Amino acid sequence: MPQKNINTMKVVILGQNGMLANLIQGVLDSNFEIAGVFRYERTVYTKIRLWLRDFFKSAPEYTLIKENNLYEIKCKSANSNEFKREILKLNPDIILVGTWKEKLKKEIIDLPKIATINVHPSLLPEYRGPNPYIQTILHGEKVSGVTFHIMTQKIDEGPILAQQKIEILPMDTAKELKEKTIFAARIITCELLKKLNAGIIQQIPQNETRASYYPNITGDEKMLNFKTQTSTEILNTIRALHPYLPTYITYKNRFLIVNPYKVRLTNKVAKPDEIIRVCAKTRSITIGCKDGRALKFSGLKLYRFNILTNLFMKFKTN
């Protein structure tokens, strides 16, 4: 890897939401130059829709861009000729990527002087793929992490530059795990850029014998099944899908939305899918799981179909 032994580096950041905000803050903490920021929203929103979103509900990353007078790259794709021209003009040392759904072409990856670095929210090579926040909790992991690695054309497979473990607490949902991960990314960004500038970073090849890849969830996971899932599997599913998808249970042909922070394992024994207690006052239901253990769900909310959904369902069944 080329070394940068002067007192400043130029960084272009690609990303979305909280990860982008923390990568911006991490580069600001390092006192290196942010040559440009490319928000993923520009690849999926129209100009007017993004303008309305920024005007009425300004996100933290957009606030950082404005407050620090950062140059915003305005393209429709990171693989476009327009973006390539922007990078050639900005001439960055590093392209830093976090939460980006496009697979970058090799000609784009090779543009910066030093490297294009991807920030992946797991302990690579484990849990490669689009949403490790969900998958690590879904699989009952007690530890996750964040990895900074050289980007290659193979998804999440480049040499590791920096890595940090993150503990997953018993009540952590994907929301809390993400919050801890993106904050860790901010700290690592600052430290990594300083080491890169000093030329003291060592690249560590990923151990392919430990590699695992998980695709996006299907969405079917949101409907809990007490006949086929153990209490642990159900708890993991509820925690993993929040806040991306609400999870549901059915009672008397109604869908009830689960509050992920108001579910607990009881000491009661019950048959799979057996409802052993219902309390209207606390909006709670206690249900048996596949392993014979019972879960109590409190603070349940009734899922209400809107008019358009009802009309669609009627049309579909006719």
Protein backbone atom coordinates (compact mmCIF):
# COMPACT_ATOMS: atom_id res chain seq x y z
CA MET A 1 0.00 0.00 0.00
CA PRO A 2 1.38 3.49 -0.84
CA GLN A 3 2.32 5.55 2.19
CA LYS A 4 1.35 9.13 2.91
CA ASN A 5 4.04 10.83 4.99
CA ILE A 6 2.87 14.42 5.00
CA ASN A 7 0.75 16.17 7.58
CA THR A 8 -2.54 15.98 5.74
CA MET A 9 -4.66 13.49 3.85
CA LYS A 10 -7.72 14.02 1.71
CA VAL A 11 -10.66 11.71 2.33
CA VAL A 12 -13.86 11.18 0.36
CA ILE A 13 -16.64 9.52 2.36
CA LEU A 14 -19.50 7.42 0.95
CA GLY A 15 -22.26 6.29 3.27
CA GLN A 16 -25.70 6.52 4.76
CA ASN A 17 -27.45 7.47 8.00
CA GLY A 18 -25.69 7.02 11.34
CA MET A 19 -22.64 5.26 9.94
CA LEU A 20 -22.01 8.16 7.54
CA ALA A 21 -22.40 10.70 10.36
CA ASN A 22 -19.87 8.87 12.52
CA LEU A 23 -17.37 8.45 9.68
CA ILE A 24 -17.61 12.19 8.99
CA GLN A 25 -17.08 12.92 12.68
CA GLY A 26 -14.16 10.49 12.82
CA VAL A 27 -12.37 12.25 9.96
CA LEU A 28 -13.08 15.63 11.56
CA ASP A 29 -11.61 14.30 14.82
CA SER A 30 -8.43 13.34 12.95
CA ASN A 31 -8.04 16.87 11.55
CA PHE A 32 -7.56 15.53 8.05
CA GLU A 33 -9.38 17.04 5.08
CA ILE A 34 -12.78 15.80 3.95
CA ALA A 35 -12.59 16.41 0.20
CA GLY A 36 -16.16 15.30 -0.42
CA VAL A 37 -19.18 13.43 0.94
CA PHE A 38 -21.51 11.26 -1.13
CA ARG A 39 -24.79 10.36 0.57
CA TYR A 40 -26.36 7.08 -0.56
CA GLU A 41 -29.77 8.77 -0.54
CA ARG A 42 -28.76 10.62 -3.72
CA THR A 43 -28.71 7.29 -5.58
CA VAL A 44 -32.30 6.41 -4.67
CA TYR A 45 -34.19 9.69 -4.10
CA THR A 46 -35.25 12.27 -6.65
CA LYS A 47 -33.81 15.76 -6.14
CA ILE A 48 -37.12 17.17 -4.95
CA ARG A 49 -37.79 14.30 -2.55
CA LEU A 50 -34.31 14.59 -1.03
CA TRP A 51 -34.69 18.37 -0.75
CA LEU A 52 -37.99 17.95 1.12
CA ARG A 53 -36.44 15.32 3.39
CA ASP A 54 -33.48 17.55 4.19
CA PHE A 55 -35.68 20.59 4.74
CA PHE A 56 -38.32 19.05 7.01
CA LYS A 57 -36.34 16.28 8.72
CA SER A 58 -32.66 17.05 8.60
CA ALA A 59 -30.56 13.96 9.42
CA PRO A 60 -27.40 14.18 11.60
CA GLU A 61 -25.10 13.48 8.64
CA TYR A 62 -26.69 16.27 6.59
CA THR A 63 -26.36 18.65 9.56
CA LEU A 64 -22.64 17.79 9.80
CA ILE A 65 -22.19 18.45 6.09
CA LYS A 66 -23.81 21.87 6.38
CA GLU A 67 -22.23 22.91 9.69
CA ASN A 68 -18.73 22.08 8.43
CA ASN A 69 -19.30 23.43 4.92
CA LEU A 70 -18.34 20.10 3.36
CA TYR A 71 -18.43 19.56 -0.38
CA GLU A 72 -21.30 17.24 -1.28
CA ILE A 73 -20.95 14.98 -4.31
CA LYS A 74 -24.19 14.93 -6.27
CA CYS A 75 -24.33 11.86 -8.51
CA LYS A 76 -26.82 9.05 -9.10
CA SER A 77 -24.29 6.24 -8.75
CA ALA A 78 -20.82 5.63 -7.36
CA ASN A 79 -20.12 3.65 -10.54
CA SER A 80 -21.04 6.49 -12.89
CA ASN A 81 -18.66 8.41 -15.12
CA GLU A 82 -19.85 11.53 -13.31
CA PHE A 83 -18.64 10.17 -9.96
CA LYS A 84 -15.36 9.06 -11.53
CA ARG A 85 -14.77 12.60 -12.80
CA GLU A 86 -15.52 13.98 -9.33
CA ILE A 87 -12.94 11.68 -7.73
CA LEU A 88 -10.31 12.51 -10.33
CA LYS A 89 -10.92 16.20 -9.65
CA LEU A 90 -10.86 15.83 -5.85
CA ASN A 91 -7.79 13.55 -5.99
CA PRO A 92 -8.32 11.90 -2.56
CA ASP A 93 -5.85 9.71 -0.72
CA ILE A 94 -8.65 7.59 0.77
CA ILE A 95 -12.21 6.72 -0.18
CA LEU A 96 -13.99 5.62 3.00
CA VAL A 97 -17.19 3.59 2.52
CA GLY A 98 -19.79 2.73 5.15
CA THR A 99 -23.37 1.47 4.55
CA TRP A 100 -23.37 1.51 0.75
CA LYS A 101 -25.59 -0.85 -1.24
CA GLU A 102 -23.90 -0.53 -4.62
CA LYS A 103 -21.08 -2.93 -5.50
CA LEU A 104 -18.28 -0.64 -6.65
CA LYS A 105 -16.44 -1.33 -9.91
CA LYS A 106 -12.70 -1.99 -9.83
CA GLU A 107 -11.98 1.21 -11.74
CA ILE A 108 -13.69 3.18 -8.94
CA ILE A 109 -12.04 1.20 -6.13
CA ASP A 110 -8.61 1.91 -7.64
CA LEU A 111 -9.06 5.69 -7.95
CA PRO A 112 -7.69 6.99 -4.60
CA LYS A 113 -3.93 7.32 -4.04
CA ILE A 114 -3.81 4.96 -1.05
CA ALA A 115 -6.93 2.79 -0.97
CA THR A 116 -10.70 2.47 -0.88
CA ILE A 117 -11.55 1.29 2.63
CA ASN A 118 -14.82 -0.37 3.57
CA VAL A 119 -16.32 -0.28 7.07
CA HIS A 120 -18.19 -3.52 7.80
CA PRO A 121 -20.22 -4.01 11.02
CA SER A 122 -18.98 -7.47 11.97
CA LEU A 123 -15.78 -9.29 12.88
CA LEU A 124 -14.74 -10.27 9.37
CA PRO A 125 -14.45 -12.79 7.87
CA GLU A 126 -17.51 -13.81 9.90
CA TYR A 127 -20.92 -12.42 8.95
CA ARG A 128 -20.14 -11.01 5.55
CA GLY A 129 -23.21 -9.64 3.83
CA PRO A 130 -25.70 -6.77 3.92
CA ASN A 131 -26.95 -6.62 7.53
CA PRO A 132 -24.78 -8.19 10.25
CA TYR A 133 -26.68 -6.25 12.92
CA ILE A 134 -29.63 -8.56 12.30
CA GLN A 135 -27.75 -11.75 11.57
CA THR A 136 -25.42 -11.76 14.58
CA ILE A 137 -28.33 -11.38 17.02
CA LEU A 138 -30.52 -13.79 15.04
CA HIS A 139 -27.80 -16.43 15.44
CA GLY A 140 -27.44 -15.81 19.17
CA GLU A 141 -23.95 -14.29 19.11
CA LYS A 142 -22.62 -12.68 22.28
CA VAL A 143 -19.95 -10.65 20.45
CA SER A 144 -19.97 -8.73 17.19
CA GLY A 145 -17.64 -6.01 15.97
CA VAL A 146 -16.58 -3.57 13.29
CA THR A 147 -13.90 -4.12 10.64
CA PHE A 148 -12.06 -1.64 8.41
CA HIS A 149 -10.66 -3.45 5.38
CA ILE A 150 -9.28 -2.78 1.92
CA MET A 151 -12.16 -2.93 -0.54
CA THR A 152 -11.88 -5.40 -3.40
CA GLN A 153 -14.40 -6.57 -5.98
CA LYS A 154 -15.21 -9.55 -3.78
CA ILE A 155 -17.77 -8.55 -1.15
CA ASP A 156 -16.24 -7.96 2.31
CA GLU A 157 -13.09 -9.96 1.45
CA GLY A 158 -10.17 -7.48 1.43
CA PRO A 159 -7.25 -7.40 3.91
CA ILE A 160 -8.09 -6.10 7.40
CA LEU A 161 -6.64 -2.78 8.56
CA ALA A 162 -8.41 -2.40 11.91
CA GLN A 163 -10.95 -4.34 13.92
CA GLN A 164 -12.74 -4.00 17.25
CA LYS A 165 -14.98 -6.39 19.19
CA ILE A 166 -18.37 -5.19 20.45
CA GLU A 167 -20.28 -6.99 23.19
CA ILE A 168 -23.90 -7.90 22.51
CA LEU A 169 -25.81 -7.63 25.78
CA PRO A 170 -28.81 -9.94 26.46
CA MET A 171 -31.37 -7.17 25.87
CA ASP A 172 -29.61 -5.49 22.94
CA THR A 173 -31.66 -5.21 19.77
CA ALA A 174 -30.16 -4.48 16.35
CA LYS A 175 -30.78 -0.81 17.18
CA GLU A 176 -28.47 -0.82 20.21
CA LEU A 177 -25.89 -2.94 18.43
CA LYS A 178 -25.82 -0.52 15.52
CA GLU A 179 -25.45 2.48 17.85
CA LYS A 180 -22.45 0.88 19.57
CA THR A 181 -20.93 -0.18 16.25
CA ILE A 182 -21.11 3.17 14.49
CA PHE A 183 -19.67 4.97 17.51
CA ALA A 184 -16.76 2.51 17.54
CA ALA A 185 -16.34 3.24 13.81
CA ARG A 186 -15.90 6.94 14.61
CA ILE A 187 -13.05 6.22 17.06
CA ILE A 188 -11.33 3.77 14.72
CA THR A 189 -11.60 6.18 11.77
CA CYS A 190 -9.59 8.82 13.62
CA GLU A 191 -6.93 6.36 14.79
CA LEU A 192 -6.65 4.56 11.44
CA LEU A 193 -6.18 7.71 9.38
CA LYS A 194 -3.39 8.88 11.67
CA LYS A 195 -1.64 5.51 11.35
CA LEU A 196 -2.08 5.49 7.57
CA ASN A 197 -0.63 8.97 7.37
CA ALA A 198 2.38 7.77 9.38
CA GLY A 199 2.70 4.62 7.26
CA ILE A 200 2.51 2.21 10.21
CA ILE A 201 -0.54 0.13 9.26
CA GLN A 202 -0.19 -3.61 8.75
CA GLN A 203 -2.57 -5.44 6.43
CA ILE A 204 -3.93 -8.75 7.76
CA PRO A 205 -5.37 -11.23 5.23
CA GLN A 206 -8.78 -12.60 6.13
CA ASN A 207 -8.88 -16.23 7.25
CA GLU A 208 -11.18 -17.84 4.68
CA THR A 209 -11.63 -20.96 6.82
CA ARG A 210 -13.66 -18.81 9.26
CA ALA A 211 -15.66 -16.99 6.59
CA SER A 212 -19.45 -16.87 6.62
CA TYR A 213 -21.94 -14.96 4.50
CA TYR A 214 -25.59 -14.17 5.23
CA PRO A 215 -27.96 -12.50 2.75
CA ASN A 216 -30.78 -10.13 3.58
CA ILE A 217 -33.65 -11.58 5.58
CA THR A 218 -36.80 -12.49 3.65
CA GLY A 219 -39.30 -10.71 5.91
CA ASP A 220 -41.05 -13.98 6.79
CA GLU A 221 -39.18 -13.91 10.10
CA LYS A 222 -41.45 -11.18 11.45
CA MET A 223 -44.33 -13.63 12.06
CA LEU A 224 -43.36 -15.58 15.19
CA ASN A 225 -44.14 -19.30 15.22
CA PHE A 226 -44.47 -20.81 18.68
CA LYS A 227 -44.87 -24.34 17.36
CA THR A 228 -41.55 -24.42 15.51
CA GLN A 229 -39.40 -21.89 17.43
CA THR A 230 -37.85 -22.23 20.87
CA SER A 231 -38.09 -19.40 23.38
CA THR A 232 -34.47 -18.44 22.65
CA GLU A 233 -35.08 -18.38 18.89
CA ILE A 234 -38.14 -16.18 19.34
CA LEU A 235 -36.32 -13.75 21.64
CA ASN A 236 -33.40 -13.55 19.21
CA THR A 237 -35.75 -12.91 16.28
CA ILE A 238 -37.56 -10.08 18.09
CA ARG A 239 -34.27 -8.43 19.10
CA ALA A 240 -32.67 -8.93 15.69
CA LEU A 241 -35.48 -7.40 13.63
CA HIS A 242 -35.91 -4.25 15.72
CA PRO A 243 -36.03 -1.50 14.46
CA TYR A 244 -36.02 -2.76 10.85
CA LEU A 245 -39.18 -4.87 10.99
CA PRO A 246 -41.87 -5.22 13.67
CA THR A 247 -42.56 -8.78 14.81
CA TYR A 248 -46.10 -10.14 15.22
CA ILE A 249 -48.06 -12.75 17.10
CA THR A 250 -51.61 -13.81 16.24
CA TYR A 251 -54.48 -13.96 18.72
CA LYS A 252 -58.09 -14.62 17.73
CA ASN A 253 -57.29 -13.90 14.07
CA ARG A 254 -55.71 -10.55 14.93
CA PHE A 255 -52.14 -9.44 14.43
CA LEU A 256 -50.48 -8.02 17.53
CA ILE A 257 -47.26 -5.99 17.29
CA VAL A 258 -44.58 -7.05 19.77
CA ASN A 259 -42.73 -4.48 21.87
CA PRO A 260 -39.12 -5.80 21.84
CA TYR A 261 -38.38 -4.21 25.22
CA LYS A 262 -41.36 -5.81 26.96
CA VAL A 263 -40.81 -9.52 26.41
CA ARG A 264 -39.55 -11.80 29.16
CA LEU A 265 -39.01 -15.48 29.78
CA THR A 266 -41.23 -16.83 32.58
CA ASN A 267 -40.77 -19.84 34.84
CA LYS A 268 -44.00 -21.36 33.57
CA VAL A 269 -44.23 -24.59 31.58
CA ALA A 270 -46.54 -24.71 28.58
CA LYS A 271 -47.20 -26.62 25.40
CA PRO A 272 -46.05 -25.11 22.09
CA ASP A 273 -48.41 -22.30 20.98
CA GLU A 274 -50.48 -22.64 24.17
CA ILE A 275 -51.83 -19.34 25.49
CA ILE A 276 -51.74 -19.65 29.27
CA ARG A 277 -52.61 -16.10 30.30
CA VAL A 278 -54.13 -12.95 28.78
CA CYS A 279 -54.34 -9.58 30.57
CA ALA A 280 -56.20 -6.73 28.88
CA LYS A 281 -54.99 -4.16 31.43
CA THR A 282 -51.31 -4.63 30.60
CA ARG A 283 -52.06 -5.71 27.02
CA SER A 284 -50.10 -8.88 27.69
CA ILE A 285 -50.18 -12.50 26.56
CA THR A 286 -48.15 -15.44 27.86
CA ILE A 287 -47.50 -18.14 25.25
CA GLY A 288 -45.73 -21.50 25.28
CA CYS A 289 -42.86 -22.14 22.86
CA LYS A 290 -41.46 -25.24 21.14
CA ASP A 291 -39.09 -25.95 24.04
CA GLY A 292 -41.95 -25.95 26.60
CA ARG A 293 -40.95 -22.60 28.08
CA ALA A 294 -43.33 -19.63 28.12
CA LEU A 295 -42.77 -16.04 27.06
CA LYS A 296 -44.77 -13.09 28.35
CA PHE A 297 -45.44 -10.29 25.87
CA SER A 298 -46.54 -6.97 27.40
CA GLY A 299 -47.49 -3.66 25.81
CA LEU A 300 -48.87 -5.33 22.68
CA LYS A 301 -50.44 -3.16 20.01
CA LEU A 302 -53.12 -4.15 17.54
CA TYR A 303 -51.96 -3.99 13.94
CA ARG A 304 -54.66 -2.18 11.97
CA PHE A 305 -54.98 -2.58 8.22
CA ASN A 306 -55.58 0.71 6.48
CA ILE A 307 -58.33 1.15 3.90
CA LEU A 308 -56.04 0.70 0.90
CA THR A 309 -54.63 -2.53 2.32
CA ASN A 310 -58.13 -3.89 2.91
CA LEU A 311 -59.16 -3.03 -0.65
CA PHE A 312 -56.02 -4.67 -2.04
CA MET A 313 -56.63 -7.84 0.00
CA LYS A 314 -60.25 -8.04 -1.20
CA PHE A 315 -59.18 -7.49 -4.81
CA LYS A 316 -56.48 -10.15 -4.49
CA THR A 317 -58.90 -12.79 -3.16
CA ASN A 318 -61.57 -12.14 -5.80
